[in-house]
Amino acid sequence: MSAPRVVVLDYGSGNVHSAVKALEHAGADVVLSSDKRTAVEADGLLVPGVGAFSAVVDALLAVRGDEIIDRRLSGGRPVLGICVGMQVLFERGIERGVDTEGLGEWPGVVDELEAPVLPHMGWNTVDAPENSVLFDGIRDERFYFVHSYAARSWTLDVQPPFPQPRLTWATHSDRFLAAVENGPLSATQFHPEKSSAAGIRLLQNWLGTL
């Protein structure tokens, strides 16, 4: 079998090259691109994200990233968001008093964690469900986080015959969503590309769904 072809969406976010290298290490054929057709037709799309919620949304809209994600999901084509690339999938983000409309793939608000020390930076464990695909074989591992904001609740009501989303949580004084697996749309608040062998395994698990 040939390696799955994954596009890392190139919209000006930092940290893209480490994501490309991690995906290649996990076994993917990786292209860094903002071309709509290339991104829509790839086996998988990874949406990175570093920086402020509003800046990431603006940069994604500038390359029609919202249209690319919608088109892929309507065709059941997998998308993986990372860090702020996960946060912008929600309806809204509130950061330093600025309320920004997100991409709206999931209902809910991303706001500041209630914790005495921010950002939440470093290695942390997660509470993944038994049936998680992303965390298969790595439910007890630690992953690398760098963030002050997160989604702290899940309000999407999914009715049969659609499968229930698989939600993974973590705690930094405050409880927050560390990962979501919702049909073809998955996301992690932590950085798999910075999470050593466990992060590579998670990316391999995701590649196995493509």
Foldseek 3Di string as FASTA:
>chain_A
DAAFEEEEEDLPAPPVVLVQVLLVVLGHNYDHYLDLVVHLPGQEYEYEHDDDLQVSQVSCVVSPVLVSVVSNVVVLRAYEYEASRVQLCEQWEADPNDIDGGSHVFYAYKYFFPAPDPDPFAKFAKQWDPPDLLCVVPNGPIFTAHGGIATQDHDDDDDPPADDKTFMWTDRVGIHTQKIGGRRYIYGNTDLSPGPPSSSSSSNSNSVVD
